[in-house]
Protein backbone atom coordinates (compact mmCIF):
# COMPACT_ATOMS: atom_id res chain seq x y z
CA UNK A 1 60.29 -139.93 87.10
CA UNK A 2 63.08 -139.39 84.78
CA UNK A 3 66.66 -139.37 86.01
CA UNK A 4 67.38 -135.44 85.65
CA UNK A 5 70.68 -133.77 86.61
CA UNK A 6 72.23 -130.42 85.71
CA UNK A 7 75.95 -129.33 85.23
CA UNK A 8 77.09 -125.76 84.56
CA UNK A 9 77.47 -124.47 81.13
CA UNK A 10 80.85 -124.19 79.47
CA UNK A 11 82.15 -122.81 76.21
CA UNK A 12 82.01 -126.20 74.72
CA UNK A 13 78.16 -126.17 74.93
CA UNK A 14 77.73 -123.07 72.92
CA UNK A 15 76.44 -124.99 69.79
CA UNK A 16 73.93 -127.00 71.77
CA UNK A 17 72.63 -123.92 73.77
CA UNK A 18 72.27 -122.47 70.42
CA UNK A 19 70.27 -125.47 68.97
CA UNK A 20 68.22 -125.37 72.06
CA UNK A 21 67.34 -121.45 71.47
CA UNK A 22 66.79 -122.13 67.80
CA UNK A 23 64.43 -124.73 68.71
CA UNK A 24 62.14 -122.54 70.72
CA UNK A 25 61.94 -120.22 67.60
CA UNK A 26 60.86 -122.65 64.94
CA UNK A 27 57.06 -121.83 64.71
CA UNK A 28 57.92 -118.22 64.74
CA UNK A 29 60.43 -118.45 61.77
CA UNK A 30 58.02 -120.77 59.98
CA UNK A 31 56.10 -117.65 58.95
CA UNK A 32 59.06 -115.85 57.62
CA UNK A 33 60.01 -115.91 53.85
CA UNK A 34 63.55 -116.49 54.27
CA UNK A 35 65.69 -119.45 53.15
CA UNK A 36 67.26 -121.95 55.71
CA UNK A 37 70.48 -120.08 55.48
CA UNK A 38 68.97 -116.76 56.54
CA UNK A 39 67.24 -118.31 59.13
CA UNK A 40 70.23 -119.90 60.69
CA UNK A 41 72.17 -116.59 60.31
CA UNK A 42 69.37 -114.84 62.08
CA UNK A 43 69.00 -117.43 64.79
CA UNK A 44 72.75 -117.45 65.64
CA UNK A 45 72.79 -113.80 65.80
CA UNK A 46 69.97 -113.77 68.27
CA UNK A 47 71.31 -116.61 70.28
CA UNK A 48 74.68 -114.68 70.51
CA UNK A 49 73.06 -111.42 71.50
CA UNK A 50 70.89 -113.39 74.38
CA UNK A 51 73.68 -115.16 75.68
CA UNK A 52 76.00 -112.43 76.01
CA UNK A 53 73.42 -110.21 77.50
CA UNK A 54 72.43 -113.14 80.25
CA UNK A 55 76.03 -113.40 80.92
CA UNK A 56 76.67 -109.51 81.50
CA UNK A 57 73.27 -108.71 83.46
CA UNK A 58 72.70 -111.87 85.34
CA UNK A 59 75.97 -112.09 87.38
CA UNK A 60 75.77 -115.05 89.95
CA UNK A 61 73.22 -116.97 88.01
CA UNK A 62 73.40 -120.83 87.78
CA UNK A 63 73.69 -121.41 83.92
CA UNK A 64 72.96 -124.79 83.55
CA UNK A 65 72.44 -127.70 81.12
CA UNK A 66 69.49 -130.24 81.92
CA UNK A 67 70.58 -133.73 81.53
CA UNK A 68 68.47 -136.97 81.20
CA UNK A 69 70.25 -139.94 81.97
CA UNK A 70 73.53 -137.79 81.51
CA UNK A 71 72.56 -136.60 77.77
CA UNK A 72 71.93 -132.83 77.38
CA UNK A 73 68.12 -132.07 76.79
CA UNK A 74 67.85 -128.45 77.64
CA UNK A 75 68.94 -125.39 79.66
CA UNK A 76 68.04 -124.04 82.86
CA UNK A 77 69.17 -120.50 84.04
CA UNK A 78 67.96 -119.41 87.45
CA UNK A 79 69.16 -116.53 89.99
CA UNK A 80 68.78 -117.01 93.43
CA UNK A 81 68.56 -113.56 94.66
CA UNK A 82 68.20 -112.21 98.20
CA UNK A 83 64.60 -111.24 97.61
CA UNK A 84 63.34 -113.65 95.03
CA UNK A 85 64.41 -116.54 92.63
CA UNK A 86 64.34 -115.49 89.01
CA UNK A 87 64.10 -118.08 86.24
CA UNK A 88 66.02 -116.44 83.64
CA UNK A 89 65.43 -119.25 81.11
CA UNK A 90 64.13 -122.74 81.04
CA UNK A 91 64.08 -124.34 77.61
CA UNK A 92 64.13 -127.97 76.50
CA UNK A 93 64.55 -129.58 73.07
CA UNK A 94 61.20 -130.38 71.34
CA UNK A 95 61.16 -134.06 71.84
CA UNK A 96 61.28 -133.54 75.78
CA UNK A 97 58.67 -130.97 75.85
CA UNK A 98 55.24 -131.82 77.29
CA UNK A 99 56.89 -134.99 79.25
CA UNK A 100 56.57 -133.60 82.55
CA UNK A 101 60.28 -132.64 82.75
CA UNK A 102 59.78 -128.82 82.90
CA UNK A 103 56.92 -129.55 85.42
CA UNK A 104 59.20 -131.41 87.77
CA UNK A 105 62.06 -128.91 87.49
CA UNK A 106 59.74 -125.90 88.48
CA UNK A 107 58.27 -127.86 91.34
CA UNK A 108 61.62 -128.35 92.51
CA UNK A 109 62.42 -124.58 92.41
CA UNK A 110 59.17 -123.77 93.91
CA UNK A 111 59.75 -126.22 96.59
CA UNK A 112 63.07 -124.64 97.49
CA UNK A 113 61.50 -121.25 97.38
CA UNK A 114 58.73 -122.18 99.93
CA UNK A 115 61.39 -123.47 102.41
CA UNK A 116 63.01 -120.23 102.01
CA UNK A 117 60.06 -118.02 101.92
CA UNK A 118 60.86 -116.31 98.73
CA UNK A 119 58.82 -115.58 95.50
CA UNK A 120 59.64 -117.06 92.22
CA UNK A 121 59.43 -114.79 89.19
CA UNK A 122 59.98 -115.22 85.30
CA UNK A 123 59.24 -113.12 82.30
CA UNK A 124 57.54 -115.21 79.64
CA UNK A 125 56.68 -114.07 76.22
CA UNK A 126 52.97 -113.46 75.64
CA UNK A 127 52.80 -116.09 72.84
CA UNK A 128 54.77 -118.79 74.45
CA UNK A 129 52.97 -121.90 75.10
CA UNK A 130 54.82 -122.40 78.19
CA UNK A 131 52.44 -119.62 79.85
CA UNK A 132 49.74 -122.39 80.35
CA UNK A 133 52.17 -124.52 82.35
CA UNK A 134 53.14 -121.50 84.63
CA UNK A 135 49.46 -120.73 85.33
CA UNK A 136 48.86 -124.46 86.20
CA UNK A 137 51.52 -124.08 88.71
CA UNK A 138 50.10 -121.03 90.46
CA UNK A 139 52.10 -118.29 88.69
CA UNK A 140 49.95 -114.95 88.13
CA UNK A 141 50.87 -112.12 85.71
CA UNK A 142 52.26 -109.10 87.61
CA UNK A 143 53.51 -106.95 85.07
CA UNK A 144 54.28 -106.21 81.38
CA UNK A 145 57.56 -105.66 79.77
CA UNK A 146 57.47 -105.23 75.84
CA UNK A 147 56.46 -108.56 74.47
CA UNK A 148 56.84 -110.17 78.06
CA UNK A 149 54.70 -110.80 80.84
CA UNK A 150 56.47 -110.83 84.21
CA UNK A 151 54.66 -114.01 86.09
CA UNK A 152 55.13 -114.41 90.02
CA UNK A 153 54.30 -117.47 92.22
CA UNK A 154 54.66 -116.97 95.85
CA UNK A 155 53.88 -119.49 98.80
CA UNK A 156 51.74 -116.72 100.17
CA UNK A 157 49.60 -116.29 97.02
CA UNK A 158 49.17 -120.06 97.09
CA UNK A 159 47.99 -120.17 100.97
CA UNK A 160 45.05 -117.62 100.11
């Protein structure tokens, strides 16, 4: 398996984090009749708003850079609350998607949650291809919030 590790984000990671965010919106923006400069400005505005929101509303969250052989390849934000684990965000650069890395990260989280007897929840956009990964790992839709589905995994559900 790949040599994965994590480190906390810092201000020097802002450009990298913005690039990871932008890479998740490529297909969506391909359908918009904007030039590259307009798309870049939109993506920067959206990233800045999301980043600020996460920092303000998810206090105590582990905001992590995913490293493969010490090279940054994505971001992983997770809150370990008393009642649940909340995956705030998991995103990999395109060349590292569909390689098993996301699955490995999620399985480690599910194992940790099982040990502590906690469910794992995540909001996933309905059109996000990662929905199939979450379903394969045993997550089920438990609610809807705007364009997001709330998905949940729990050891109790897996035992049924």
